Amino acid sequence: MKTFKTLSDLTALVGQEVAVSNWITVTQEQINQFAEATGDHQWIHVDVPRATAGPFGAPIAHGFLTLSMLPRFFDDAIKVQESGMGVNYGLNKVRFMAPVTVGSRLRARLSLVSGDPIDNNGVQLVWDVVI
């Protein structure tokens, strides 16, 4: 984990890779729980025998499950000691470039694109994240 005292210390790294998270293994249980939470029970995610015989050779994680791991990756990789909170402002460009099969190990490479001051002594950070 990379620890920064202030947001200014972090924004000094604009244009650089700031951190790499630890590995997370995707489990069928996570996929099933995500399917329950979202109502997306497509067979490629939750029907293990059919998915194993299907085009990917195993069940695959929902793209949005992979995306929803972003807070975990950030929490694992970066800490700003003098920061009250963080709020997700949105996403600029998301692409799911390859299927994530059960048992896959994922980690995130976090590069800081920009850090611009906003109201109340805040900073809007824009990240390039590759999982």
N, C-alpha and C. Protein backbone atom coordinates (compact mmCIF):
# COMPACT_ATOMS: atom_id res chain seq x y z
N MET A 1 0.84 -1.18 0.00
CA MET A 1 0.00 0.00 0.00
C MET A 1 0.89 1.24 0.00
N LYS A 2 0.49 2.21 -0.81
CA LYS A 2 1.16 3.50 -0.83
C LYS A 2 0.36 4.45 0.07
N THR A 3 1.04 5.10 0.98
CA THR A 3 0.39 6.02 1.91
C THR A 3 0.87 7.44 1.62
N PHE A 4 -0.09 8.35 1.55
CA PHE A 4 0.20 9.76 1.32
C PHE A 4 -0.38 10.55 2.49
N LYS A 5 0.32 11.57 2.91
CA LYS A 5 -0.18 12.38 4.02
C LYS A 5 -1.36 13.24 3.57
N THR A 6 -1.22 13.89 2.43
CA THR A 6 -2.25 14.81 1.95
C THR A 6 -2.59 14.52 0.49
N LEU A 7 -3.70 15.09 0.05
CA LEU A 7 -4.05 14.99 -1.37
C LEU A 7 -3.03 15.69 -2.24
N SER A 8 -2.41 16.75 -1.74
CA SER A 8 -1.35 17.43 -2.50
C SER A 8 -0.17 16.49 -2.74
N ASP A 9 0.15 15.68 -1.74
CA ASP A 9 1.23 14.71 -1.93
C ASP A 9 0.88 13.72 -3.04
N LEU A 10 -0.38 13.33 -3.09
CA LEU A 10 -0.83 12.41 -4.13
C LEU A 10 -0.83 13.08 -5.50
N THR A 11 -1.36 14.29 -5.58
CA THR A 11 -1.47 14.95 -6.89
C THR A 11 -0.10 15.32 -7.47
N ALA A 12 0.93 15.28 -6.67
CA ALA A 12 2.29 15.49 -7.19
C ALA A 12 2.69 14.38 -8.16
N LEU A 13 1.91 13.29 -8.17
CA LEU A 13 2.22 12.14 -9.03
C LEU A 13 1.38 12.08 -10.30
N VAL A 14 0.73 13.18 -10.65
CA VAL A 14 -0.05 13.22 -11.90
C VAL A 14 0.86 12.81 -13.06
N GLY A 15 0.32 11.93 -13.91
CA GLY A 15 1.06 11.46 -15.07
C GLY A 15 1.87 10.20 -14.80
N GLN A 16 1.75 9.66 -13.58
CA GLN A 16 2.55 8.49 -13.22
C GLN A 16 1.66 7.35 -12.73
N GLU A 17 2.19 6.14 -12.79
CA GLU A 17 1.53 5.03 -12.11
C GLU A 17 1.80 5.22 -10.62
N VAL A 18 0.73 5.23 -9.85
CA VAL A 18 0.84 5.52 -8.42
C VAL A 18 0.96 4.24 -7.61
N ALA A 19 0.20 3.23 -7.96
CA ALA A 19 0.20 2.00 -7.16
C ALA A 19 -0.35 0.85 -7.97
N VAL A 20 -0.05 -0.36 -7.46
CA VAL A 20 -0.60 -1.60 -8.01
C VAL A 20 -1.21 -2.35 -6.82
N SER A 21 -2.44 -2.76 -6.97
CA SER A 21 -3.13 -3.45 -5.87
C SER A 21 -2.61 -4.88 -5.72
N ASN A 22 -3.02 -5.50 -4.64
CA ASN A 22 -2.78 -6.93 -4.46
C ASN A 22 -3.72 -7.70 -5.39
N TRP A 23 -3.44 -8.98 -5.56
CA TRP A 23 -4.27 -9.85 -6.38
C TRP A 23 -5.54 -10.24 -5.63
N ILE A 24 -6.63 -10.35 -6.37
CA ILE A 24 -7.91 -10.84 -5.86
C ILE A 24 -8.34 -11.99 -6.77
N THR A 25 -8.70 -13.12 -6.18
CA THR A 25 -9.18 -14.26 -6.96
C THR A 25 -10.70 -14.20 -7.05
N VAL A 26 -11.21 -14.29 -8.27
CA VAL A 26 -12.65 -14.26 -8.51
C VAL A 26 -13.22 -15.65 -8.27
N THR A 27 -14.24 -15.72 -7.42
CA THR A 27 -14.85 -17.02 -7.08
C THR A 27 -16.26 -17.14 -7.66
N GLN A 28 -16.72 -18.37 -7.78
CA GLN A 28 -18.09 -18.60 -8.22
C GLN A 28 -19.06 -18.02 -7.20
N GLU A 29 -18.72 -18.08 -5.93
CA GLU A 29 -19.59 -17.51 -4.90
C GLU A 29 -19.78 -16.01 -5.10
N GLN A 30 -18.71 -15.29 -5.42
CA GLN A 30 -18.83 -13.85 -5.70
C GLN A 30 -19.76 -13.62 -6.90
N ILE A 31 -19.57 -14.41 -7.94
CA ILE A 31 -20.38 -14.26 -9.13
C ILE A 31 -21.85 -14.53 -8.81
N ASN A 32 -22.12 -15.58 -8.06
CA ASN A 32 -23.50 -15.90 -7.68
C ASN A 32 -24.11 -14.79 -6.84
N GLN A 33 -23.35 -14.26 -5.90
CA GLN A 33 -23.86 -13.17 -5.06
C GLN A 33 -24.15 -11.92 -5.88
N PHE A 34 -23.27 -11.64 -6.84
CA PHE A 34 -23.49 -10.49 -7.71
C PHE A 34 -24.75 -10.69 -8.56
N ALA A 35 -24.94 -11.92 -9.05
CA ALA A 35 -26.15 -12.24 -9.83
C ALA A 35 -27.40 -12.01 -8.99
N GLU A 36 -27.36 -12.43 -7.73
CA GLU A 36 -28.51 -12.22 -6.82
C GLU A 36 -28.76 -10.74 -6.60
N ALA A 37 -27.69 -9.98 -6.40
CA ALA A 37 -27.84 -8.55 -6.11
C ALA A 37 -28.37 -7.77 -7.30
N THR A 38 -28.00 -8.18 -8.51
CA THR A 38 -28.36 -7.42 -9.70
C THR A 38 -29.49 -8.01 -10.52
N GLY A 39 -29.81 -9.28 -10.28
CA GLY A 39 -30.83 -9.94 -11.08
C GLY A 39 -30.31 -10.44 -12.41
N ASP A 40 -29.01 -10.39 -12.63
CA ASP A 40 -28.42 -10.86 -13.88
C ASP A 40 -27.97 -12.31 -13.70
N HIS A 41 -28.85 -13.23 -14.06
CA HIS A 41 -28.59 -14.66 -13.88
C HIS A 41 -28.27 -15.36 -15.20
N GLN A 42 -27.67 -14.63 -16.14
CA GLN A 42 -27.34 -15.23 -17.43
C GLN A 42 -26.47 -16.47 -17.22
N TRP A 43 -26.72 -17.50 -18.01
CA TRP A 43 -26.09 -18.81 -17.81
C TRP A 43 -24.58 -18.75 -17.87
N ILE A 44 -23.98 -17.84 -18.62
CA ILE A 44 -22.52 -17.79 -18.70
C ILE A 44 -21.88 -17.41 -17.37
N HIS A 45 -22.71 -16.91 -16.45
CA HIS A 45 -22.22 -16.54 -15.12
C HIS A 45 -22.53 -17.60 -14.07
N VAL A 46 -23.75 -18.14 -14.08
CA VAL A 46 -24.21 -18.91 -12.92
C VAL A 46 -24.49 -20.40 -13.19
N ASP A 47 -24.59 -20.82 -14.42
CA ASP A 47 -24.83 -22.24 -14.72
C ASP A 47 -23.47 -22.89 -15.01
N VAL A 48 -22.86 -23.43 -13.96
CA VAL A 48 -21.48 -23.92 -14.07
C VAL A 48 -21.31 -24.99 -15.14
N PRO A 49 -22.14 -26.04 -15.17
CA PRO A 49 -21.93 -27.06 -16.21
C PRO A 49 -22.09 -26.49 -17.63
N ARG A 50 -23.11 -25.70 -17.84
CA ARG A 50 -23.34 -25.14 -19.18
C ARG A 50 -22.23 -24.16 -19.56
N ALA A 51 -21.82 -23.32 -18.61
CA ALA A 51 -20.75 -22.35 -18.89
C ALA A 51 -19.43 -23.05 -19.16
N THR A 52 -19.17 -24.14 -18.45
CA THR A 52 -17.93 -24.89 -18.66
C THR A 52 -17.89 -25.48 -20.07
N ALA A 53 -19.05 -25.86 -20.58
CA ALA A 53 -19.13 -26.39 -21.95
C ALA A 53 -19.25 -25.27 -22.98
N GLY A 54 -19.39 -24.03 -22.52
CA GLY A 54 -19.61 -22.89 -23.41
C GLY A 54 -18.33 -22.31 -23.98
N PRO A 55 -18.44 -21.14 -24.57
CA PRO A 55 -17.34 -20.55 -25.34
C PRO A 55 -16.12 -20.15 -24.52
N PHE A 56 -16.27 -19.97 -23.19
CA PHE A 56 -15.14 -19.52 -22.38
C PHE A 56 -14.52 -20.64 -21.55
N GLY A 57 -15.14 -21.83 -21.56
CA GLY A 57 -14.59 -22.97 -20.85
C GLY A 57 -14.80 -22.94 -19.34
N ALA A 58 -15.52 -21.94 -18.86
CA ALA A 58 -15.79 -21.79 -17.43
C ALA A 58 -16.80 -20.66 -17.29
N PRO A 59 -17.47 -20.55 -16.13
CA PRO A 59 -18.30 -19.38 -15.90
C PRO A 59 -17.43 -18.12 -15.91
N ILE A 60 -18.01 -17.02 -16.37
CA ILE A 60 -17.29 -15.75 -16.37
C ILE A 60 -17.99 -14.76 -15.45
N ALA A 61 -17.17 -13.88 -14.89
CA ALA A 61 -17.69 -12.82 -14.02
C ALA A 61 -18.45 -11.81 -14.87
N HIS A 62 -19.45 -11.21 -14.28
CA HIS A 62 -20.15 -10.09 -14.91
C HIS A 62 -19.13 -8.96 -15.09
N GLY A 63 -19.21 -8.26 -16.20
CA GLY A 63 -18.32 -7.10 -16.38
C GLY A 63 -18.48 -6.11 -15.25
N PHE A 64 -19.73 -5.91 -14.83
CA PHE A 64 -19.97 -4.94 -13.76
C PHE A 64 -19.49 -5.44 -12.40
N LEU A 65 -19.36 -6.75 -12.23
CA LEU A 65 -18.74 -7.27 -11.01
C LEU A 65 -17.27 -6.86 -10.98
N THR A 66 -16.59 -7.05 -12.08
CA THR A 66 -15.19 -6.63 -12.16
C THR A 66 -15.07 -5.13 -11.88
N LEU A 67 -15.93 -4.35 -12.49
CA LEU A 67 -15.93 -2.90 -12.29
C LEU A 67 -16.21 -2.55 -10.83
N SER A 68 -17.11 -3.29 -10.20
CA SER A 68 -17.47 -2.99 -8.81
C SER A 68 -16.34 -3.29 -7.83
N MET A 69 -15.29 -3.95 -8.28
CA MET A 69 -14.14 -4.21 -7.42
C MET A 69 -13.20 -3.01 -7.31
N LEU A 70 -13.46 -1.95 -8.08
CA LEU A 70 -12.58 -0.78 -8.05
C LEU A 70 -12.37 -0.23 -6.64
N PRO A 71 -13.42 -0.05 -5.83
CA PRO A 71 -13.17 0.46 -4.48
C PRO A 71 -12.23 -0.43 -3.67
N ARG A 72 -12.38 -1.72 -3.84
CA ARG A 72 -11.51 -2.67 -3.13
C ARG A 72 -10.06 -2.52 -3.59
N PHE A 73 -9.85 -2.38 -4.89
CA PHE A 73 -8.50 -2.19 -5.40
C PHE A 73 -7.88 -0.91 -4.84
N PHE A 74 -8.65 0.18 -4.88
CA PHE A 74 -8.13 1.45 -4.36
C PHE A 74 -7.85 1.36 -2.87
N ASP A 75 -8.77 0.77 -2.12
CA ASP A 75 -8.60 0.64 -0.67
C ASP A 75 -7.36 -0.18 -0.34
N ASP A 76 -7.08 -1.15 -1.15
CA ASP A 76 -5.93 -2.02 -0.95
C ASP A 76 -4.62 -1.32 -1.31
N ALA A 77 -4.65 -0.37 -2.25
CA ALA A 77 -3.42 0.15 -2.84
C ALA A 77 -3.02 1.55 -2.37
N ILE A 78 -4.00 2.38 -1.99
CA ILE A 78 -3.71 3.79 -1.71
C ILE A 78 -4.43 4.24 -0.46
N LYS A 79 -3.73 5.02 0.36
CA LYS A 79 -4.34 5.65 1.53
C LYS A 79 -3.85 7.08 1.60
N VAL A 80 -4.80 8.01 1.81
CA VAL A 80 -4.46 9.41 2.04
C VAL A 80 -4.87 9.71 3.48
N GLN A 81 -3.88 9.98 4.32
CA GLN A 81 -4.13 10.13 5.75
C GLN A 81 -5.02 11.32 6.09
N GLU A 82 -4.77 12.45 5.45
CA GLU A 82 -5.53 13.66 5.77
C GLU A 82 -6.58 13.93 4.71
N SER A 83 -7.50 13.00 4.59
CA SER A 83 -8.61 13.14 3.64
C SER A 83 -9.88 12.68 4.34
N GLY A 84 -10.91 13.50 4.28
CA GLY A 84 -12.15 13.19 4.98
C GLY A 84 -12.95 12.07 4.34
N MET A 85 -13.04 12.09 3.02
CA MET A 85 -13.84 11.07 2.33
C MET A 85 -13.54 11.14 0.84
N GLY A 86 -13.98 10.11 0.15
CA GLY A 86 -13.91 10.08 -1.30
C GLY A 86 -15.28 9.78 -1.86
N VAL A 87 -15.60 10.39 -2.97
CA VAL A 87 -16.89 10.20 -3.62
C VAL A 87 -16.64 9.84 -5.08
N ASN A 88 -17.31 8.81 -5.57
CA ASN A 88 -17.20 8.43 -6.96
C ASN A 88 -18.01 9.42 -7.80
N TYR A 89 -17.34 10.12 -8.68
CA TYR A 89 -17.97 11.13 -9.52
C TYR A 89 -18.48 10.55 -10.83
N GLY A 90 -17.91 9.44 -11.27
CA GLY A 90 -18.37 8.83 -12.51
C GLY A 90 -17.24 8.14 -13.24
N LEU A 91 -17.57 7.65 -14.41
CA LEU A 91 -16.63 6.92 -15.24
C LEU A 91 -16.58 7.57 -16.62
N ASN A 92 -15.40 7.67 -17.16
CA ASN A 92 -15.26 8.31 -18.47
C ASN A 92 -15.25 7.31 -19.62
N LYS A 93 -14.57 6.19 -19.44
CA LYS A 93 -14.48 5.21 -20.52
C LYS A 93 -14.24 3.85 -19.88
N VAL A 94 -15.15 2.94 -20.13
CA VAL A 94 -15.01 1.59 -19.58
C VAL A 94 -15.11 0.61 -20.74
N ARG A 95 -14.17 -0.30 -20.78
CA ARG A 95 -14.19 -1.36 -21.79
C ARG A 95 -13.86 -2.67 -21.09
N PHE A 96 -14.56 -3.72 -21.45
CA PHE A 96 -14.29 -5.05 -20.93
C PHE A 96 -13.57 -5.80 -22.04
N MET A 97 -12.26 -5.85 -21.96
CA MET A 97 -11.42 -6.32 -23.06
C MET A 97 -11.27 -7.84 -23.13
N ALA A 98 -11.52 -8.52 -22.01
CA ALA A 98 -11.36 -9.97 -22.00
C ALA A 98 -12.26 -10.56 -20.93
N PRO A 99 -12.76 -11.77 -21.14
CA PRO A 99 -13.59 -12.39 -20.11
C PRO A 99 -12.76 -12.72 -18.87
N VAL A 100 -13.42 -12.66 -17.72
CA VAL A 100 -12.79 -13.01 -16.45
C VAL A 100 -13.45 -14.30 -15.97
N THR A 101 -12.73 -15.41 -16.10
CA THR A 101 -13.29 -16.70 -15.71
C THR A 101 -13.13 -16.93 -14.21
N VAL A 102 -13.97 -17.80 -13.69
CA VAL A 102 -13.86 -18.20 -12.29
C VAL A 102 -12.44 -18.67 -12.02
N GLY A 103 -11.89 -18.23 -10.91
CA GLY A 103 -10.52 -18.59 -10.56
C GLY A 103 -9.48 -17.62 -11.06
N SER A 104 -9.90 -16.67 -11.91
CA SER A 104 -8.95 -15.66 -12.39
C SER A 104 -8.47 -14.81 -11.22
N ARG A 105 -7.24 -14.38 -11.34
CA ARG A 105 -6.67 -13.46 -10.36
C ARG A 105 -6.59 -12.09 -11.01
N LEU A 106 -7.13 -11.09 -10.32
CA LEU A 106 -7.16 -9.73 -10.83
C LEU A 106 -6.40 -8.80 -9.90
N ARG A 107 -5.81 -7.77 -10.48
CA ARG A 107 -5.26 -6.67 -9.71
C ARG A 107 -5.41 -5.42 -10.57
N ALA A 108 -5.23 -4.28 -9.96
CA ALA A 108 -5.40 -3.02 -10.68
C ALA A 108 -4.10 -2.24 -10.68
N ARG A 109 -3.81 -1.67 -11.82
CA ARG A 109 -2.70 -0.72 -11.96
C ARG A 109 -3.34 0.66 -11.99
N LEU A 110 -2.96 1.52 -11.05
CA LEU A 110 -3.62 2.80 -10.85
C LEU A 110 -2.68 3.94 -11.24
N SER A 111 -3.02 4.64 -12.31
CA SER A 111 -2.24 5.78 -12.77
C SER A 111 -3.08 7.04 -12.63
N LEU A 112 -2.48 8.08 -12.10
CA LEU A 112 -3.19 9.34 -11.86
C LEU A 112 -3.07 10.24 -13.10
N VAL A 113 -4.22 10.53 -13.70
CA VAL A 113 -4.26 11.34 -14.92
C VAL A 113 -4.28 12.82 -14.58
N SER A 114 -5.09 13.21 -13.58
CA SER A 114 -5.16 14.61 -13.18
C SER A 114 -5.67 14.72 -11.76
N GLY A 115 -5.43 15.86 -11.17
CA GLY A 115 -5.92 16.18 -9.84
C GLY A 115 -6.19 17.67 -9.75
N ASP A 116 -7.44 18.05 -9.90
CA ASP A 116 -7.82 19.46 -9.96
C ASP A 116 -8.56 19.89 -8.71
N PRO A 117 -8.21 21.07 -8.18
CA PRO A 117 -8.90 21.58 -6.99
C PRO A 117 -10.38 21.81 -7.25
N ILE A 118 -11.21 21.51 -6.25
CA ILE A 118 -12.64 21.79 -6.29
C ILE A 118 -13.04 22.46 -4.98
N ASP A 119 -14.30 22.79 -4.82
CA ASP A 119 -14.80 23.48 -3.64
C ASP A 119 -14.44 22.75 -2.35
N ASN A 120 -14.42 23.51 -1.26
CA ASN A 120 -14.22 22.98 0.09
C ASN A 120 -12.90 22.24 0.27
N ASN A 121 -11.85 22.76 -0.38
CA ASN A 121 -10.51 22.19 -0.27
C ASN A 121 -10.43 20.76 -0.79
N GLY A 122 -11.31 20.40 -1.71
CA GLY A 122 -11.30 19.06 -2.29
C GLY A 122 -10.44 18.99 -3.53
N VAL A 123 -10.30 17.79 -4.03
CA VAL A 123 -9.56 17.56 -5.26
C VAL A 123 -10.33 16.52 -6.08
N GLN A 124 -10.54 16.85 -7.35
CA GLN A 124 -11.14 15.87 -8.26
C GLN A 124 -10.01 15.12 -8.94
N LEU A 125 -9.92 13.84 -8.61
CA LEU A 125 -8.88 12.98 -9.17
C LEU A 125 -9.44 12.20 -10.36
N VAL A 126 -8.67 12.14 -11.42
CA VAL A 126 -9.03 11.31 -12.58
C VAL A 126 -7.95 10.24 -12.69
N TRP A 127 -8.43 8.99 -12.69
CA TRP A 127 -7.53 7.85 -12.70
C TRP A 127 -7.64 7.08 -14.00
N ASP A 128 -6.55 6.50 -14.43
CA ASP A 128 -6.54 5.49 -15.49
C ASP A 128 -6.28 4.18 -14.75
N VAL A 129 -7.27 3.29 -14.80
CA VAL A 129 -7.16 2.03 -14.08
C VAL A 129 -7.21 0.89 -15.09
N VAL A 130 -6.23 0.02 -15.02
CA VAL A 130 -6.19 -1.17 -15.85
C VAL A 130 -6.27 -2.37 -14.92
N ILE A 131 -7.27 -3.20 -15.13
CA ILE A 131 -7.45 -4.41 -14.30
C ILE A 131 -6.96 -5.59 -15.10
